[in-house]
Amino acid sequence: MLSRIIEIVKKHHEEVILLIGVVLISLLSFSIGYIVAFEEAKEPIRVEYDQELE
């Protein structure tokens, strides 16, 4: 079974490398999007002034 998988990978090594590249780029894109969405979900900082001090 393992030898058959190795044979298939050797026969189609260019396609396997391309597939691995596409999967890694997809995971990286998802991770970056998740981080950006998480950062945007934070509540912005508000500055409030005390009117008694003016």
N, C-alpha and C. Protein backbone atom coordinates (compact mmCIF):
# COMPACT_ATOMS: atom_id res chain seq x y z
N MET A 1 0.82 -1.19 0.00
CA MET A 1 0.00 0.00 0.00
C MET A 1 0.87 1.26 0.00
N LEU A 2 1.84 1.33 0.92
CA LEU A 2 2.72 2.49 1.01
C LEU A 2 3.57 2.62 -0.25
N SER A 3 4.03 1.50 -0.77
CA SER A 3 4.85 1.55 -1.99
C SER A 3 4.04 2.08 -3.18
N ARG A 4 2.75 1.77 -3.20
CA ARG A 4 1.90 2.27 -4.29
C ARG A 4 1.71 3.79 -4.18
N ILE A 5 1.55 4.29 -2.96
CA ILE A 5 1.43 5.73 -2.74
C ILE A 5 2.71 6.44 -3.15
N ILE A 6 3.84 5.88 -2.78
CA ILE A 6 5.13 6.47 -3.14
C ILE A 6 5.29 6.48 -4.66
N GLU A 7 4.87 5.43 -5.31
CA GLU A 7 4.95 5.36 -6.76
C GLU A 7 4.09 6.44 -7.42
N ILE A 8 2.89 6.63 -6.91
CA ILE A 8 1.99 7.66 -7.46
C ILE A 8 2.58 9.05 -7.23
N VAL A 9 3.15 9.30 -6.05
CA VAL A 9 3.75 10.60 -5.75
C VAL A 9 4.95 10.85 -6.66
N LYS A 10 5.76 9.85 -6.88
CA LYS A 10 6.91 10.01 -7.77
C LYS A 10 6.46 10.30 -9.20
N LYS A 11 5.38 9.68 -9.61
CA LYS A 11 4.88 9.86 -10.97
C LYS A 11 4.30 11.25 -11.16
N HIS A 12 3.66 11.79 -10.12
CA HIS A 12 2.97 13.09 -10.21
C HIS A 12 3.57 14.11 -9.25
N HIS A 13 4.89 14.13 -9.12
CA HIS A 13 5.52 15.00 -8.11
C HIS A 13 5.28 16.48 -8.37
N GLU A 14 5.19 16.91 -9.62
CA GLU A 14 4.94 18.32 -9.90
C GLU A 14 3.55 18.75 -9.44
N GLU A 15 2.56 17.91 -9.67
CA GLU A 15 1.20 18.23 -9.24
C GLU A 15 1.08 18.21 -7.72
N VAL A 16 1.81 17.32 -7.07
CA VAL A 16 1.79 17.24 -5.60
C VAL A 16 2.38 18.50 -5.01
N ILE A 17 3.49 18.97 -5.57
CA ILE A 17 4.12 20.20 -5.08
C ILE A 17 3.19 21.38 -5.28
N LEU A 18 2.54 21.45 -6.44
CA LEU A 18 1.58 22.52 -6.70
C LEU A 18 0.43 22.48 -5.71
N LEU A 19 -0.10 21.31 -5.43
CA LEU A 19 -1.19 21.15 -4.48
C LEU A 19 -0.77 21.60 -3.08
N ILE A 20 0.41 21.21 -2.66
CA ILE A 20 0.91 21.61 -1.34
C ILE A 20 1.06 23.13 -1.28
N GLY A 21 1.56 23.74 -2.35
CA GLY A 21 1.70 25.19 -2.40
C GLY A 21 0.36 25.90 -2.30
N VAL A 22 -0.63 25.41 -3.02
CA VAL A 22 -1.97 26.02 -2.98
C VAL A 22 -2.57 25.91 -1.58
N VAL A 23 -2.42 24.76 -0.96
CA VAL A 23 -2.96 24.56 0.39
C VAL A 23 -2.27 25.49 1.38
N LEU A 24 -0.95 25.62 1.29
CA LEU A 24 -0.23 26.49 2.23
C LEU A 24 -0.61 27.96 2.04
N ILE A 25 -0.75 28.41 0.79
CA ILE A 25 -1.15 29.78 0.54
C ILE A 25 -2.57 30.02 1.05
N SER A 26 -3.45 29.05 0.87
CA SER A 26 -4.82 29.18 1.36
C SER A 26 -4.86 29.29 2.89
N LEU A 27 -4.09 28.46 3.56
CA LEU A 27 -4.04 28.52 5.02
C LEU A 27 -3.46 29.85 5.51
N LEU A 28 -2.44 30.34 4.83
CA LEU A 28 -1.84 31.61 5.20
C LEU A 28 -2.84 32.75 5.01
N SER A 29 -3.56 32.73 3.91
CA SER A 29 -4.56 33.77 3.64
C SER A 29 -5.67 33.74 4.68
N PHE A 30 -6.13 32.56 5.04
CA PHE A 30 -7.17 32.43 6.05
C PHE A 30 -6.67 32.96 7.39
N SER A 31 -5.44 32.62 7.75
CA SER A 31 -4.88 33.07 9.03
C SER A 31 -4.78 34.58 9.08
N ILE A 32 -4.32 35.19 8.01
CA ILE A 32 -4.19 36.65 7.98
C ILE A 32 -5.57 37.30 8.07
N GLY A 33 -6.55 36.77 7.36
CA GLY A 33 -7.91 37.30 7.43
C GLY A 33 -8.51 37.15 8.81
N TYR A 34 -8.24 36.06 9.47
CA TYR A 34 -8.76 35.83 10.81
C TYR A 34 -8.15 36.83 11.80
N ILE A 35 -6.87 37.07 11.67
CA ILE A 35 -6.20 38.01 12.56
C ILE A 35 -6.72 39.43 12.34
N VAL A 36 -6.88 39.82 11.09
CA VAL A 36 -7.38 41.16 10.78
C VAL A 36 -8.80 41.33 11.32
N ALA A 37 -9.65 40.34 11.12
CA ALA A 37 -11.03 40.42 11.61
C ALA A 37 -11.06 40.49 13.13
N PHE A 38 -10.18 39.77 13.78
CA PHE A 38 -10.11 39.79 15.25
C PHE A 38 -9.69 41.18 15.74
N GLU A 39 -8.74 41.80 15.06
CA GLU A 39 -8.28 43.13 15.46
C GLU A 39 -9.37 44.17 15.23
N GLU A 40 -10.14 44.06 14.17
CA GLU A 40 -11.19 45.02 13.88
C GLU A 40 -12.39 44.87 14.82
N ALA A 41 -12.53 43.74 15.45
CA ALA A 41 -13.66 43.49 16.33
C ALA A 41 -13.47 44.15 17.70
N LYS A 42 -12.26 44.60 17.98
CA LYS A 42 -12.01 45.25 19.26
C LYS A 42 -12.72 46.60 19.31
N GLU A 43 -13.12 46.98 20.50
CA GLU A 43 -13.80 48.26 20.70
C GLU A 43 -12.76 49.38 20.65
N PRO A 44 -13.03 50.44 19.91
CA PRO A 44 -12.04 51.52 19.80
C PRO A 44 -11.87 52.27 21.13
N ILE A 45 -10.72 52.89 21.27
CA ILE A 45 -10.42 53.67 22.47
C ILE A 45 -11.16 55.00 22.39
N ARG A 46 -11.85 55.35 23.48
CA ARG A 46 -12.57 56.62 23.53
C ARG A 46 -11.92 57.50 24.59
N VAL A 47 -11.75 58.76 24.24
CA VAL A 47 -11.19 59.72 25.19
C VAL A 47 -12.35 60.57 25.70
N GLU A 48 -12.53 60.59 27.01
CA GLU A 48 -13.60 61.37 27.62
C GLU A 48 -12.99 62.41 28.54
N TYR A 49 -13.53 63.62 28.50
CA TYR A 49 -13.05 64.70 29.34
C TYR A 49 -14.03 64.96 30.46
N ASP A 50 -13.50 65.26 31.60
CA ASP A 50 -14.31 65.62 32.75
C ASP A 50 -14.62 67.12 32.67
N GLN A 51 -15.88 67.51 32.62
CA GLN A 51 -16.24 68.91 32.45
C GLN A 51 -15.93 69.75 33.69
N GLU A 52 -15.79 69.14 34.82
CA GLU A 52 -15.49 69.88 36.05
C GLU A 52 -14.07 70.44 36.02
N LEU A 53 -13.19 69.83 35.29
CA LEU A 53 -11.81 70.28 35.25
C LEU A 53 -11.62 71.48 34.33
N GLU A 54 -12.54 71.77 33.47
CA GLU A 54 -12.39 72.87 32.51
C GLU A 54 -12.69 74.20 33.10
